[in-house]
């Protein structure tokens, strides 16, 4: 759910203007279709509702977040309840339930993961636990995931890294851990390093992020065996992202602010 933009203090108003513009477009669809959907809903309606709910919650729409919190609490009381909604909505709603919750909500998902055997549900749980807005919970999540005693499978560990990295709050946390332990992670399956690198850096778009990438990946001590092509592609994408941001981002946000989008309430 991450935008990929480094929202530092001097760009918060710009984020607000972009959020306002997109939310204004989305709310018509959100209000038309509503929050809840079922497996019996027409396919096109399910796809449109997924888009509307995903964007509305990601942009902080109060009704969407309220309903996500309520849905998550119902899931905690009756785990079978979550399966009654449209499958396409479950990851979105549960993610925001974690994001708007705290320790209790996160611990519930972790305990579900420890006792889950269905691989699709395991992937879902690992993904939504990365949605927390608490940096300490995200840090602990990484530590628990790499702890041999928790017995997280190697392939599942990639899901943890990628999912936490897609959280704006967790991106720097994952990058630091991933690069500090690079030569020890995924030793038997080095290609997985390339997969995580590709997904983790997909939205890198600031000078700091590009500088960190170049410094790390151009270091001779960084083992790039079997992933040289992925490294080149990741660096190329980050450079293109930065070039686009510097050429277009300011122009777009200035136009939005001049047309009143920065002052409206979400």
Protein backbone atom coordinates (compact mmCIF):
# COMPACT_ATOMS: atom_id res chain seq x y z
CA UNK A 1 0.00 0.00 0.00
CA UNK A 2 2.95 2.19 -0.07
CA UNK A 3 3.13 5.10 -2.46
CA UNK A 4 6.90 4.82 -2.86
CA UNK A 5 7.40 8.52 -2.12
CA UNK A 6 9.63 9.74 0.69
CA UNK A 7 7.12 11.92 2.52
CA UNK A 8 9.45 14.14 4.52
CA UNK A 9 8.21 17.17 6.44
CA UNK A 10 8.52 19.53 3.49
CA UNK A 11 6.35 17.35 1.23
CA UNK A 12 3.42 16.64 3.56
CA UNK A 13 1.25 19.32 1.97
CA UNK A 14 2.11 17.88 -1.43
CA UNK A 15 1.07 14.43 -0.29
CA UNK A 16 -2.16 15.91 0.98
CA UNK A 17 -2.92 17.52 -2.38
CA UNK A 18 -2.32 14.30 -4.30
CA UNK A 19 -4.31 12.30 -1.76
CA UNK A 20 -7.20 14.73 -2.03
CA UNK A 21 -7.28 14.57 -5.80
CA UNK A 22 -7.24 10.78 -5.96
CA UNK A 23 -9.72 10.41 -3.10
CA UNK A 24 -12.17 12.73 -4.84
CA UNK A 25 -12.04 10.46 -7.87
CA UNK A 26 -12.41 7.29 -5.79
CA UNK A 27 -15.22 8.33 -3.45
CA UNK A 28 -17.89 8.28 -6.16
CA UNK A 29 -17.10 4.63 -6.79
CA UNK A 30 -16.75 3.89 -3.06
CA UNK A 31 -20.13 5.44 -2.24
CA UNK A 32 -21.79 3.67 -5.15
CA UNK A 33 -20.55 0.17 -4.36
CA UNK A 34 -20.21 0.34 -0.58
CA UNK A 35 -17.59 -1.26 1.63
CA UNK A 36 -18.93 -4.79 1.89
CA UNK A 37 -18.97 -7.36 -0.86
CA UNK A 38 -19.66 -11.07 -1.02
CA UNK A 39 -18.42 -13.99 -3.04
CA UNK A 40 -21.76 -13.89 -4.90
CA UNK A 41 -21.22 -10.36 -6.20
CA UNK A 42 -20.70 -10.00 -9.98
CA UNK A 43 -17.04 -10.22 -10.96
CA UNK A 44 -16.87 -6.66 -12.30
CA UNK A 45 -18.46 -5.28 -9.12
CA UNK A 46 -15.91 -7.16 -7.01
CA UNK A 47 -13.03 -5.71 -9.03
CA UNK A 48 -14.38 -2.15 -8.82
CA UNK A 49 -15.09 -2.46 -5.10
CA UNK A 50 -11.55 -3.70 -4.51
CA UNK A 51 -10.15 -0.60 -6.23
CA UNK A 52 -12.47 1.73 -4.32
CA UNK A 53 -11.89 0.21 -0.88
CA UNK A 54 -8.14 -0.15 -1.41
CA UNK A 55 -7.66 3.50 -2.34
CA UNK A 56 -10.19 4.92 0.13
CA UNK A 57 -8.57 3.17 3.10
CA UNK A 58 -5.02 3.86 1.88
CA UNK A 59 -5.85 7.57 1.63
CA UNK A 60 -7.23 7.65 5.16
CA UNK A 61 -10.96 7.93 4.44
CA UNK A 62 -12.58 7.79 7.88
CA UNK A 63 -15.54 5.60 6.95
CA UNK A 64 -13.32 3.06 5.23
CA UNK A 65 -10.90 2.85 8.16
CA UNK A 66 -13.76 2.62 10.67
CA UNK A 67 -15.28 -0.30 8.78
CA UNK A 68 -11.87 -2.00 8.49
CA UNK A 69 -11.37 -1.77 12.28
CA UNK A 70 -14.87 -3.14 12.87
CA UNK A 71 -14.32 -6.00 10.43
CA UNK A 72 -11.03 -6.92 12.09
CA UNK A 73 -12.61 -6.98 15.56
CA UNK A 74 -15.33 -9.28 14.20
CA UNK A 75 -12.61 -11.52 12.76
CA UNK A 76 -10.93 -11.73 16.17
CA UNK A 77 -14.23 -12.78 17.77
CA UNK A 78 -15.22 -15.14 14.96
CA UNK A 79 -12.35 -16.14 12.61
CA UNK A 80 -14.78 -17.79 10.22
CA UNK A 81 -16.38 -14.39 9.69
CA UNK A 82 -13.59 -13.11 7.44
CA UNK A 83 -14.14 -15.89 4.91
CA UNK A 84 -17.69 -14.64 4.29
CA UNK A 85 -16.49 -11.54 2.48
CA UNK A 86 -15.17 -11.33 -1.06
CA UNK A 87 -11.67 -12.90 -1.22
CA UNK A 88 -10.32 -9.88 -3.08
CA UNK A 89 -11.24 -7.60 -0.16
CA UNK A 90 -9.84 -9.69 2.68
CA UNK A 91 -6.16 -8.69 2.31
CA UNK A 92 -7.07 -4.99 2.07
CA UNK A 93 -9.47 -4.94 5.00
CA UNK A 94 -7.32 -7.07 7.30
CA UNK A 95 -4.24 -5.01 6.43
CA UNK A 96 -5.96 -1.81 7.52
CA UNK A 97 -7.34 -3.56 10.58
CA UNK A 98 -3.73 -4.22 11.60
CA UNK A 99 -2.66 -0.69 10.64
CA UNK A 100 -5.40 0.92 12.72
CA UNK A 101 -4.94 -1.49 15.62
CA UNK A 102 -2.19 -2.19 18.10
CA UNK A 103 -0.47 -5.04 19.92
CA UNK A 104 -3.63 -7.12 20.39
CA UNK A 105 -4.56 -7.05 16.70
CA UNK A 106 -1.03 -7.84 15.58
CA UNK A 107 -0.57 -10.65 18.11
CA UNK A 108 -3.85 -12.21 17.01
CA UNK A 109 -2.58 -12.46 13.42
CA UNK A 110 0.80 -13.83 14.57
CA UNK A 111 -0.85 -16.56 16.63
CA UNK A 112 -3.05 -17.43 13.67
CA UNK A 113 0.08 -17.73 11.53
CA UNK A 114 1.81 -20.07 13.99
CA UNK A 115 -1.12 -22.49 13.79
CA UNK A 116 -1.97 -22.13 10.10
CA UNK A 117 -1.28 -24.89 7.56
CA UNK A 118 -2.90 -23.50 4.42
CA UNK A 119 -0.18 -21.81 2.34
CA UNK A 120 -2.49 -19.17 0.88
CA UNK A 121 -3.62 -18.17 4.36
CA UNK A 122 0.00 -18.16 5.58
CA UNK A 123 0.91 -15.73 2.79
CA UNK A 124 -2.04 -13.51 3.71
CA UNK A 125 -1.12 -13.43 7.40
CA UNK A 126 2.55 -12.69 6.73
CA UNK A 127 1.53 -9.85 4.43
CA UNK A 128 -1.03 -8.16 6.69
CA UNK A 129 1.26 -8.24 9.73
CA UNK A 130 3.57 -5.91 7.80
CA UNK A 131 0.83 -3.26 7.67
CA UNK A 132 1.38 -2.05 11.24
CA UNK A 133 2.00 1.67 11.79
CA UNK A 134 4.08 0.91 14.88
CA UNK A 135 7.81 0.93 14.10
CA UNK A 136 8.58 -1.17 17.16
CA UNK A 137 6.12 -3.87 16.06
CA UNK A 138 7.69 -3.92 12.59
CA UNK A 139 11.19 -4.18 14.06
CA UNK A 140 10.09 -7.05 16.29
CA UNK A 141 8.36 -8.72 13.35
CA UNK A 142 11.64 -8.82 11.42
CA UNK A 143 13.49 -10.23 14.42
CA UNK A 144 10.86 -12.92 14.99
CA UNK A 145 10.79 -13.86 11.32
CA UNK A 146 14.56 -14.45 11.11
CA UNK A 147 14.72 -16.23 14.48
CA UNK A 148 15.36 -19.96 13.76
CA UNK A 149 13.13 -20.92 16.67
CA UNK A 150 10.04 -19.51 14.94
CA UNK A 151 10.75 -21.84 11.99
CA UNK A 152 9.69 -19.37 9.29
CA UNK A 153 10.34 -20.99 5.91
CA UNK A 154 12.88 -19.35 3.62
CA UNK A 155 10.28 -18.60 0.96
CA UNK A 156 8.01 -17.09 3.62
CA UNK A 157 10.86 -14.91 4.85
CA UNK A 158 10.95 -13.24 1.44
CA UNK A 159 7.28 -12.35 1.92
CA UNK A 160 8.08 -10.73 5.27
CA UNK A 161 10.91 -8.61 3.85
CA UNK A 162 8.93 -7.55 0.80
CA UNK A 163 5.74 -6.79 2.73
CA UNK A 164 7.43 -4.76 5.47
CA UNK A 165 9.42 -2.95 2.78
CA UNK A 166 6.20 -1.90 1.05
CA UNK A 167 5.14 -0.16 4.26
CA UNK A 168 6.52 3.40 4.16
CA UNK A 169 7.30 3.16 7.86
CA UNK A 170 9.15 -0.12 7.41
CA UNK A 171 11.04 0.54 4.19
CA UNK A 172 14.16 2.01 5.79
CA UNK A 173 14.03 -0.62 8.55
CA UNK A 174 14.05 -3.48 6.05
CA UNK A 175 16.67 -1.89 3.83
CA UNK A 176 19.05 -1.48 6.76
CA UNK A 177 18.53 -5.05 7.98
CA UNK A 178 18.65 -6.54 4.50
CA UNK A 179 21.90 -4.82 3.55
CA UNK A 180 23.61 -5.41 6.90
CA UNK A 181 22.91 -9.16 6.70
CA UNK A 182 23.02 -9.50 2.91
CA UNK A 183 25.80 -12.09 2.65
CA UNK A 184 24.17 -14.28 5.32
CA UNK A 185 20.59 -14.19 4.05
CA UNK A 186 19.33 -16.84 1.63
CA UNK A 187 22.81 -18.33 1.30
CA UNK A 188 21.69 -21.57 -0.39
CA UNK A 189 19.26 -19.70 -2.69
CA UNK A 190 21.05 -16.50 -3.65
CA UNK A 191 18.49 -15.79 -6.37
CA UNK A 192 16.04 -14.90 -3.60
CA UNK A 193 18.25 -11.94 -2.70
CA UNK A 194 17.59 -10.61 -6.17
CA UNK A 195 13.84 -11.13 -5.80
CA UNK A 196 13.73 -9.23 -2.52
CA UNK A 197 16.01 -6.50 -3.86
CA UNK A 198 13.79 -6.02 -6.91
CA UNK A 199 10.56 -5.77 -4.90
CA UNK A 200 12.03 -3.78 -2.02
CA UNK A 201 13.51 -1.07 -4.23
CA UNK A 202 10.70 -0.95 -6.80
CA UNK A 203 9.45 2.45 -5.59
CA UNK A 204 12.79 3.96 -4.58
CA UNK A 205 12.59 7.47 -5.97
CA UNK A 206 14.69 9.84 -3.84
CA UNK A 207 18.34 10.84 -4.04
CA UNK A 208 18.97 9.31 -0.63
CA UNK A 209 17.48 5.97 -1.67
CA UNK A 210 19.39 5.88 -4.94
CA UNK A 211 22.61 6.88 -3.18
CA UNK A 212 22.19 4.11 -0.63
CA UNK A 213 21.57 1.58 -3.41
CA UNK A 214 24.62 2.63 -5.41
CA UNK A 215 26.87 2.69 -2.36
CA UNK A 216 25.79 -0.79 -1.29
CA UNK A 217 25.51 -2.55 -4.64
CA UNK A 218 28.75 -1.14 -6.02
CA UNK A 219 30.67 -2.34 -2.97
CA UNK A 220 33.00 -5.21 -3.88
CA UNK A 221 32.14 -6.95 -0.58
CA UNK A 222 28.49 -7.24 -1.59
CA UNK A 223 27.98 -10.72 -3.02
CA UNK A 224 26.03 -10.35 -6.26
CA UNK A 225 26.52 -13.91 -7.48
CA UNK A 226 23.69 -15.03 -9.80
CA UNK A 227 21.79 -11.72 -9.54
CA UNK A 228 23.91 -9.28 -11.56
CA UNK A 229 21.09 -8.65 -14.05
CA UNK A 230 18.56 -7.95 -11.27
CA UNK A 231 20.99 -5.54 -9.64
CA UNK A 232 21.41 -3.59 -12.90
CA UNK A 233 17.66 -3.48 -13.47
CA UNK A 234 16.98 -2.32 -9.90
CA UNK A 235 19.50 0.52 -10.19
CA UNK A 236 18.15 1.53 -13.59
CA UNK A 237 14.58 1.64 -12.28
CA UNK A 238 15.55 3.74 -9.25
CA UNK A 239 17.34 6.24 -11.52
CA UNK A 240 14.29 6.44 -13.80
CA UNK A 241 11.99 6.90 -10.79
CA UNK A 242 14.14 9.73 -9.46
CA UNK A 243 14.30 11.41 -12.87
CA UNK A 244 10.52 11.26 -13.23
CA UNK A 245 9.96 12.64 -9.73
CA UNK A 246 12.32 15.55 -10.26
CA UNK A 247 10.80 16.39 -13.64
CA UNK A 248 7.10 16.00 -12.81
CA UNK A 249 6.27 15.76 -9.12
CA UNK A 250 6.62 19.44 -8.30
CA UNK A 251 4.65 20.50 -11.39
CA UNK A 252 1.76 18.19 -10.51
CA UNK A 253 1.56 19.12 -6.84
CA UNK A 254 1.76 22.87 -7.56
CA UNK A 255 -1.17 22.59 -9.97
CA UNK A 256 -3.19 20.63 -7.41
CA UNK A 257 -2.46 23.12 -4.62
CA UNK A 258 -3.32 26.06 -6.87
CA UNK A 259 -6.67 24.39 -7.52
CA UNK A 260 -7.51 23.98 -3.84
CA UNK A 261 -6.74 20.36 -3.13
CA UNK A 262 -4.28 20.92 -0.27
CA UNK A 263 -6.80 22.53 2.09
CA UNK A 264 -9.62 20.03 1.98
CA UNK A 265 -10.22 17.47 4.70
CA UNK A 266 -9.95 13.78 4.04
